[in-house]
Amino acid sequence: MKMRQNQNLVSCKKSKAESWMADKLESTKPFKWTRQAQWGIRLFDFWNYKLGIAVEVDGSEHVHNIDITKDRVDYVVSGIVVLRVRNFNEDDAGKALLYISRSGSWNDRRKLLNLKPVKT
């Protein structure tokens, strides 16, 4: 998995859509975002551990129904919220940034789901 993560990190440096989203996420300071972060078997484009939020930048290669199912499982099992932003879609990006700005902590969400807290 580590090799795949490194391969994706190298290829993501070439992704204009992910660079575009990275610029958008800069506005969410003080939150720090990690690119190509692994959580279990998932590899997220952007990840914030404190918030328990992942941002996925979706191009045409994504299969919407499969992605949504994986995202629901992540939420139920761990309280992770996956925000999906279509490539260069300003409306999706704006909604994601609004959600991030209004989001509570990951542990607050986990408490509502009766899950053990994580160390943040």
N, C-alpha and C. Protein backbone atom coordinates (compact mmCIF):
# COMPACT_ATOMS: atom_id res chain seq x y z
N MET A 1 0.83 -1.19 0.00
CA MET A 1 0.00 0.00 0.00
C MET A 1 0.87 1.25 0.00
N LYS A 2 2.00 1.19 0.70
CA LYS A 2 2.88 2.35 0.77
C LYS A 2 3.42 2.69 -0.62
N MET A 3 3.73 1.65 -1.41
CA MET A 3 4.22 1.90 -2.76
C MET A 3 3.14 2.57 -3.60
N ARG A 4 1.88 2.11 -3.46
CA ARG A 4 0.77 2.73 -4.19
C ARG A 4 0.58 4.18 -3.77
N GLN A 5 0.72 4.43 -2.48
CA GLN A 5 0.58 5.80 -1.98
C GLN A 5 1.66 6.69 -2.59
N ASN A 6 2.89 6.19 -2.66
CA ASN A 6 3.97 6.98 -3.26
C ASN A 6 3.75 7.20 -4.74
N GLN A 7 3.25 6.17 -5.45
CA GLN A 7 2.95 6.31 -6.87
C GLN A 7 1.88 7.37 -7.08
N ASN A 8 0.85 7.35 -6.26
CA ASN A 8 -0.23 8.33 -6.38
C ASN A 8 0.26 9.73 -6.04
N LEU A 9 1.16 9.84 -5.07
CA LEU A 9 1.69 11.15 -4.71
C LEU A 9 2.48 11.74 -5.87
N VAL A 10 3.26 10.91 -6.53
CA VAL A 10 4.03 11.37 -7.69
C VAL A 10 3.08 11.81 -8.80
N SER A 11 2.06 10.99 -9.07
CA SER A 11 1.14 11.34 -10.15
C SER A 11 0.26 12.53 -9.79
N CYS A 12 -0.04 12.70 -8.49
CA CYS A 12 -0.90 13.82 -8.11
C CYS A 12 -0.19 15.15 -8.27
N LYS A 13 1.14 15.14 -8.27
CA LYS A 13 1.86 16.38 -8.49
C LYS A 13 1.58 16.93 -9.89
N LYS A 14 1.14 16.03 -10.77
CA LYS A 14 0.85 16.43 -12.14
C LYS A 14 -0.63 16.78 -12.32
N SER A 15 -1.45 16.54 -11.30
CA SER A 15 -2.88 16.75 -11.42
C SER A 15 -3.24 18.22 -11.18
N LYS A 16 -3.69 18.87 -12.21
CA LYS A 16 -4.08 20.28 -12.09
C LYS A 16 -5.32 20.42 -11.22
N ALA A 17 -6.23 19.46 -11.30
CA ALA A 17 -7.46 19.53 -10.51
C ALA A 17 -7.16 19.44 -9.01
N GLU A 18 -6.24 18.57 -8.63
CA GLU A 18 -5.90 18.46 -7.21
C GLU A 18 -5.12 19.69 -6.73
N SER A 19 -4.29 20.24 -7.58
CA SER A 19 -3.59 21.48 -7.21
C SER A 19 -4.60 22.61 -7.04
N TRP A 20 -5.60 22.65 -7.90
CA TRP A 20 -6.68 23.63 -7.80
C TRP A 20 -7.39 23.49 -6.46
N MET A 21 -7.71 22.25 -6.07
CA MET A 21 -8.41 22.03 -4.80
C MET A 21 -7.50 22.34 -3.62
N ALA A 22 -6.21 22.05 -3.73
CA ALA A 22 -5.27 22.38 -2.65
C ALA A 22 -5.27 23.88 -2.39
N ASP A 23 -5.32 24.66 -3.45
CA ASP A 23 -5.40 26.12 -3.29
C ASP A 23 -6.66 26.52 -2.55
N LYS A 24 -7.78 25.86 -2.86
CA LYS A 24 -9.05 26.16 -2.18
C LYS A 24 -8.96 25.82 -0.69
N LEU A 25 -8.34 24.68 -0.38
CA LEU A 25 -8.25 24.23 1.01
C LEU A 25 -7.34 25.11 1.86
N GLU A 26 -6.48 25.88 1.21
CA GLU A 26 -5.63 26.83 1.94
C GLU A 26 -6.48 27.81 2.74
N SER A 27 -7.69 28.09 2.27
CA SER A 27 -8.56 29.05 2.96
C SER A 27 -9.14 28.50 4.26
N THR A 28 -8.94 27.20 4.54
CA THR A 28 -9.51 26.60 5.74
C THR A 28 -8.54 26.63 6.92
N LYS A 29 -7.50 27.45 6.83
CA LYS A 29 -6.55 27.55 7.94
C LYS A 29 -7.32 27.84 9.21
N PRO A 30 -6.93 27.29 10.33
CA PRO A 30 -5.67 26.64 10.66
C PRO A 30 -5.63 25.14 10.37
N PHE A 31 -6.64 24.59 9.70
CA PHE A 31 -6.65 23.16 9.45
C PHE A 31 -5.59 22.78 8.42
N LYS A 32 -4.89 21.70 8.74
CA LYS A 32 -3.81 21.23 7.87
C LYS A 32 -4.32 20.01 7.09
N TRP A 33 -4.06 20.01 5.80
CA TRP A 33 -4.51 18.94 4.91
C TRP A 33 -3.31 18.13 4.43
N THR A 34 -3.44 16.83 4.46
CA THR A 34 -2.42 15.93 3.96
C THR A 34 -2.88 15.39 2.62
N ARG A 35 -2.00 15.45 1.63
CA ARG A 35 -2.35 14.93 0.30
C ARG A 35 -2.02 13.44 0.22
N GLN A 36 -2.85 12.72 -0.52
CA GLN A 36 -2.68 11.29 -0.74
C GLN A 36 -2.45 10.55 0.57
N ALA A 37 -3.40 10.72 1.49
CA ALA A 37 -3.30 10.12 2.82
C ALA A 37 -4.06 8.79 2.87
N GLN A 38 -3.46 7.83 3.52
CA GLN A 38 -4.06 6.50 3.63
C GLN A 38 -4.82 6.39 4.94
N TRP A 39 -6.02 5.83 4.87
CA TRP A 39 -6.80 5.50 6.06
C TRP A 39 -7.34 4.10 5.83
N GLY A 40 -6.82 3.13 6.56
CA GLY A 40 -7.19 1.74 6.30
C GLY A 40 -6.79 1.38 4.88
N ILE A 41 -7.75 0.91 4.11
CA ILE A 41 -7.45 0.57 2.72
C ILE A 41 -7.76 1.72 1.76
N ARG A 42 -8.31 2.80 2.29
CA ARG A 42 -8.65 3.95 1.45
C ARG A 42 -7.45 4.88 1.30
N LEU A 43 -7.38 5.51 0.15
CA LEU A 43 -6.36 6.51 -0.11
C LEU A 43 -7.10 7.77 -0.54
N PHE A 44 -7.04 8.81 0.29
CA PHE A 44 -7.78 10.04 0.03
C PHE A 44 -6.90 11.08 -0.64
N ASP A 45 -7.50 11.89 -1.51
CA ASP A 45 -6.76 12.98 -2.14
C ASP A 45 -6.29 13.99 -1.09
N PHE A 46 -7.18 14.34 -0.17
CA PHE A 46 -6.86 15.26 0.92
C PHE A 46 -7.49 14.73 2.20
N TRP A 47 -6.78 14.88 3.31
CA TRP A 47 -7.25 14.34 4.58
C TRP A 47 -6.90 15.30 5.71
N ASN A 48 -7.89 15.52 6.60
CA ASN A 48 -7.66 16.30 7.81
C ASN A 48 -8.02 15.41 9.00
N TYR A 49 -7.01 15.04 9.77
CA TYR A 49 -7.20 14.10 10.87
C TYR A 49 -8.05 14.70 11.99
N LYS A 50 -7.84 15.95 12.31
CA LYS A 50 -8.58 16.57 13.41
C LYS A 50 -10.08 16.61 13.14
N LEU A 51 -10.43 16.91 11.89
CA LEU A 51 -11.84 16.98 11.52
C LEU A 51 -12.42 15.63 11.11
N GLY A 52 -11.55 14.68 10.73
CA GLY A 52 -12.04 13.40 10.23
C GLY A 52 -12.74 13.58 8.90
N ILE A 53 -12.20 14.48 8.08
CA ILE A 53 -12.81 14.80 6.78
C ILE A 53 -11.80 14.53 5.68
N ALA A 54 -12.28 13.85 4.65
CA ALA A 54 -11.48 13.63 3.45
C ALA A 54 -12.14 14.38 2.31
N VAL A 55 -11.32 14.89 1.40
CA VAL A 55 -11.82 15.54 0.20
C VAL A 55 -11.29 14.75 -0.99
N GLU A 56 -12.20 14.31 -1.82
CA GLU A 56 -11.85 13.57 -3.03
C GLU A 56 -12.15 14.44 -4.23
N VAL A 57 -11.17 14.62 -5.10
CA VAL A 57 -11.35 15.39 -6.33
C VAL A 57 -11.63 14.36 -7.43
N ASP A 58 -12.84 14.41 -7.96
CA ASP A 58 -13.32 13.36 -8.87
C ASP A 58 -13.28 13.77 -10.33
N GLY A 59 -12.59 12.98 -11.10
CA GLY A 59 -12.60 13.13 -12.55
C GLY A 59 -13.54 12.11 -13.15
N SER A 60 -13.50 11.97 -14.44
CA SER A 60 -14.40 11.06 -15.14
C SER A 60 -14.13 9.60 -14.84
N GLU A 61 -12.96 9.28 -14.28
CA GLU A 61 -12.62 7.89 -13.98
C GLU A 61 -13.34 7.35 -12.76
N HIS A 62 -13.95 8.21 -11.97
CA HIS A 62 -14.65 7.77 -10.77
C HIS A 62 -16.02 7.19 -11.12
N VAL A 63 -16.38 6.11 -10.39
CA VAL A 63 -17.68 5.48 -10.56
C VAL A 63 -18.53 5.94 -9.37
N HIS A 64 -19.45 6.84 -9.63
CA HIS A 64 -20.20 7.54 -8.58
C HIS A 64 -20.86 6.58 -7.58
N ASN A 65 -21.59 5.59 -8.04
CA ASN A 65 -22.32 4.71 -7.12
C ASN A 65 -21.37 3.92 -6.22
N ILE A 66 -20.27 3.47 -6.76
CA ILE A 66 -19.29 2.73 -5.95
C ILE A 66 -18.65 3.66 -4.93
N ASP A 67 -18.28 4.86 -5.36
CA ASP A 67 -17.66 5.83 -4.44
C ASP A 67 -18.60 6.18 -3.29
N ILE A 68 -19.86 6.42 -3.60
CA ILE A 68 -20.84 6.78 -2.56
C ILE A 68 -21.00 5.65 -1.56
N THR A 69 -21.01 4.41 -2.04
CA THR A 69 -21.13 3.26 -1.13
C THR A 69 -19.92 3.19 -0.20
N LYS A 70 -18.72 3.35 -0.74
CA LYS A 70 -17.50 3.33 0.09
C LYS A 70 -17.55 4.46 1.13
N ASP A 71 -18.01 5.63 0.70
CA ASP A 71 -18.08 6.79 1.60
C ASP A 71 -19.05 6.53 2.75
N ARG A 72 -20.18 5.91 2.46
CA ARG A 72 -21.16 5.60 3.51
C ARG A 72 -20.58 4.61 4.52
N VAL A 73 -19.87 3.61 4.02
CA VAL A 73 -19.24 2.63 4.91
C VAL A 73 -18.22 3.32 5.81
N ASP A 74 -17.40 4.20 5.24
CA ASP A 74 -16.42 4.93 6.05
C ASP A 74 -17.10 5.73 7.15
N TYR A 75 -18.23 6.35 6.83
CA TYR A 75 -18.93 7.16 7.82
C TYR A 75 -19.47 6.29 8.95
N VAL A 76 -20.14 5.20 8.60
CA VAL A 76 -20.75 4.35 9.61
C VAL A 76 -19.71 3.67 10.49
N VAL A 77 -18.62 3.22 9.88
CA VAL A 77 -17.60 2.48 10.61
C VAL A 77 -16.69 3.40 11.43
N SER A 78 -16.40 4.61 10.91
CA SER A 78 -15.40 5.43 11.58
C SER A 78 -15.77 6.89 11.78
N GLY A 79 -16.90 7.32 11.24
CA GLY A 79 -17.29 8.72 11.37
C GLY A 79 -16.59 9.64 10.39
N ILE A 80 -15.87 9.07 9.43
CA ILE A 80 -15.18 9.89 8.43
C ILE A 80 -16.21 10.42 7.43
N VAL A 81 -16.11 11.71 7.14
CA VAL A 81 -16.93 12.33 6.11
C VAL A 81 -16.06 12.51 4.88
N VAL A 82 -16.55 12.01 3.75
CA VAL A 82 -15.84 12.19 2.49
C VAL A 82 -16.61 13.20 1.65
N LEU A 83 -15.95 14.30 1.34
CA LEU A 83 -16.56 15.33 0.51
C LEU A 83 -16.04 15.15 -0.91
N ARG A 84 -16.95 15.07 -1.86
CA ARG A 84 -16.58 14.84 -3.27
C ARG A 84 -16.72 16.13 -4.05
N VAL A 85 -15.66 16.48 -4.75
CA VAL A 85 -15.61 17.70 -5.55
C VAL A 85 -15.24 17.29 -6.98
N ARG A 86 -16.11 17.59 -7.92
CA ARG A 86 -15.78 17.30 -9.31
C ARG A 86 -14.68 18.26 -9.77
N ASN A 87 -13.84 17.76 -10.68
CA ASN A 87 -12.71 18.55 -11.19
C ASN A 87 -13.15 19.95 -11.60
N PHE A 88 -12.51 20.94 -11.01
CA PHE A 88 -12.69 22.36 -11.34
C PHE A 88 -14.13 22.85 -11.19
N ASN A 89 -14.94 22.18 -10.35
CA ASN A 89 -16.33 22.58 -10.16
C ASN A 89 -16.39 23.53 -8.97
N GLU A 90 -16.56 24.82 -9.26
CA GLU A 90 -16.57 25.85 -8.20
C GLU A 90 -17.71 25.66 -7.21
N ASP A 91 -18.87 25.21 -7.69
CA ASP A 91 -20.02 24.99 -6.82
C ASP A 91 -19.73 23.87 -5.81
N ASP A 92 -19.20 22.74 -6.29
CA ASP A 92 -18.83 21.64 -5.39
C ASP A 92 -17.78 22.09 -4.38
N ALA A 93 -16.78 22.82 -4.85
CA ALA A 93 -15.72 23.29 -3.96
C ALA A 93 -16.29 24.24 -2.90
N GLY A 94 -17.16 25.13 -3.30
CA GLY A 94 -17.77 26.06 -2.35
C GLY A 94 -18.57 25.34 -1.28
N LYS A 95 -19.34 24.32 -1.69
CA LYS A 95 -20.13 23.53 -0.73
C LYS A 95 -19.20 22.78 0.23
N ALA A 96 -18.12 22.22 -0.30
CA ALA A 96 -17.17 21.50 0.56
C ALA A 96 -16.53 22.44 1.58
N LEU A 97 -16.11 23.62 1.12
CA LEU A 97 -15.49 24.58 2.04
C LEU A 97 -16.47 25.06 3.10
N LEU A 98 -17.72 25.24 2.72
CA LEU A 98 -18.74 25.64 3.69
C LEU A 98 -18.95 24.54 4.73
N TYR A 99 -19.01 23.30 4.27
CA TYR A 99 -19.16 22.18 5.20
C TYR A 99 -17.98 22.13 6.17
N ILE A 100 -16.78 22.28 5.64
CA ILE A 100 -15.58 22.24 6.47
C ILE A 100 -15.62 23.35 7.52
N SER A 101 -16.03 24.54 7.11
CA SER A 101 -16.05 25.68 8.04
C SER A 101 -17.07 25.50 9.16
N ARG A 102 -18.09 24.71 8.91
CA ARG A 102 -19.15 24.50 9.91
C ARG A 102 -19.03 23.17 10.64
N SER A 103 -18.03 22.41 10.29
CA SER A 103 -17.88 21.06 10.82
C SER A 103 -17.42 21.07 12.26
N GLY A 104 -17.94 20.14 13.02
CA GLY A 104 -17.45 19.91 14.37
C GLY A 104 -16.26 18.98 14.31
N SER A 105 -15.78 18.59 15.47
CA SER A 105 -14.62 17.70 15.50
C SER A 105 -15.01 16.28 15.12
N TRP A 106 -14.01 15.53 14.72
CA TRP A 106 -14.22 14.13 14.37
C TRP A 106 -14.74 13.37 15.59
N ASN A 107 -14.21 13.66 16.77
CA ASN A 107 -14.65 12.95 17.97
C ASN A 107 -16.09 13.28 18.34
N ASP A 108 -16.55 14.49 18.07
CA ASP A 108 -17.96 14.81 18.30
C ASP A 108 -18.85 13.93 17.43
N ARG A 109 -18.45 13.78 16.18
CA ARG A 109 -19.21 12.93 15.24
C ARG A 109 -19.16 11.47 15.67
N ARG A 110 -17.97 11.03 16.08
CA ARG A 110 -17.82 9.64 16.52
C ARG A 110 -18.67 9.36 17.75
N LYS A 111 -18.78 10.35 18.64
CA LYS A 111 -19.60 10.18 19.84
C LYS A 111 -21.06 9.96 19.46
N LEU A 112 -21.55 10.73 18.48
CA LEU A 112 -22.92 10.56 18.01
C LEU A 112 -23.17 9.19 17.40
N LEU A 113 -22.12 8.61 16.85
CA LEU A 113 -22.21 7.28 16.22
C LEU A 113 -21.87 6.16 17.19
N ASN A 114 -21.68 6.51 18.48
CA ASN A 114 -21.31 5.54 19.52
C ASN A 114 -20.00 4.82 19.20
N LEU A 115 -19.03 5.57 18.70
CA LEU A 115 -17.70 5.03 18.41
C LEU A 115 -16.70 5.57 19.42
N LYS A 116 -15.65 4.82 19.65
CA LYS A 116 -14.60 5.28 20.56
C LYS A 116 -13.91 6.52 19.99
N PRO A 117 -13.49 7.43 20.87
CA PRO A 117 -12.77 8.62 20.38
C PRO A 117 -11.41 8.25 19.81
N VAL A 118 -10.92 9.10 18.92
CA VAL A 118 -9.56 8.95 18.38
C VAL A 118 -8.69 10.00 19.06
N LYS A 119 -7.41 9.74 19.11
CA LYS A 119 -6.47 10.71 19.67
C LYS A 119 -6.16 11.74 18.60
N THR A 120 -6.46 12.99 18.89
CA THR A 120 -6.18 14.05 17.91
C THR A 120 -5.10 14.97 18.41
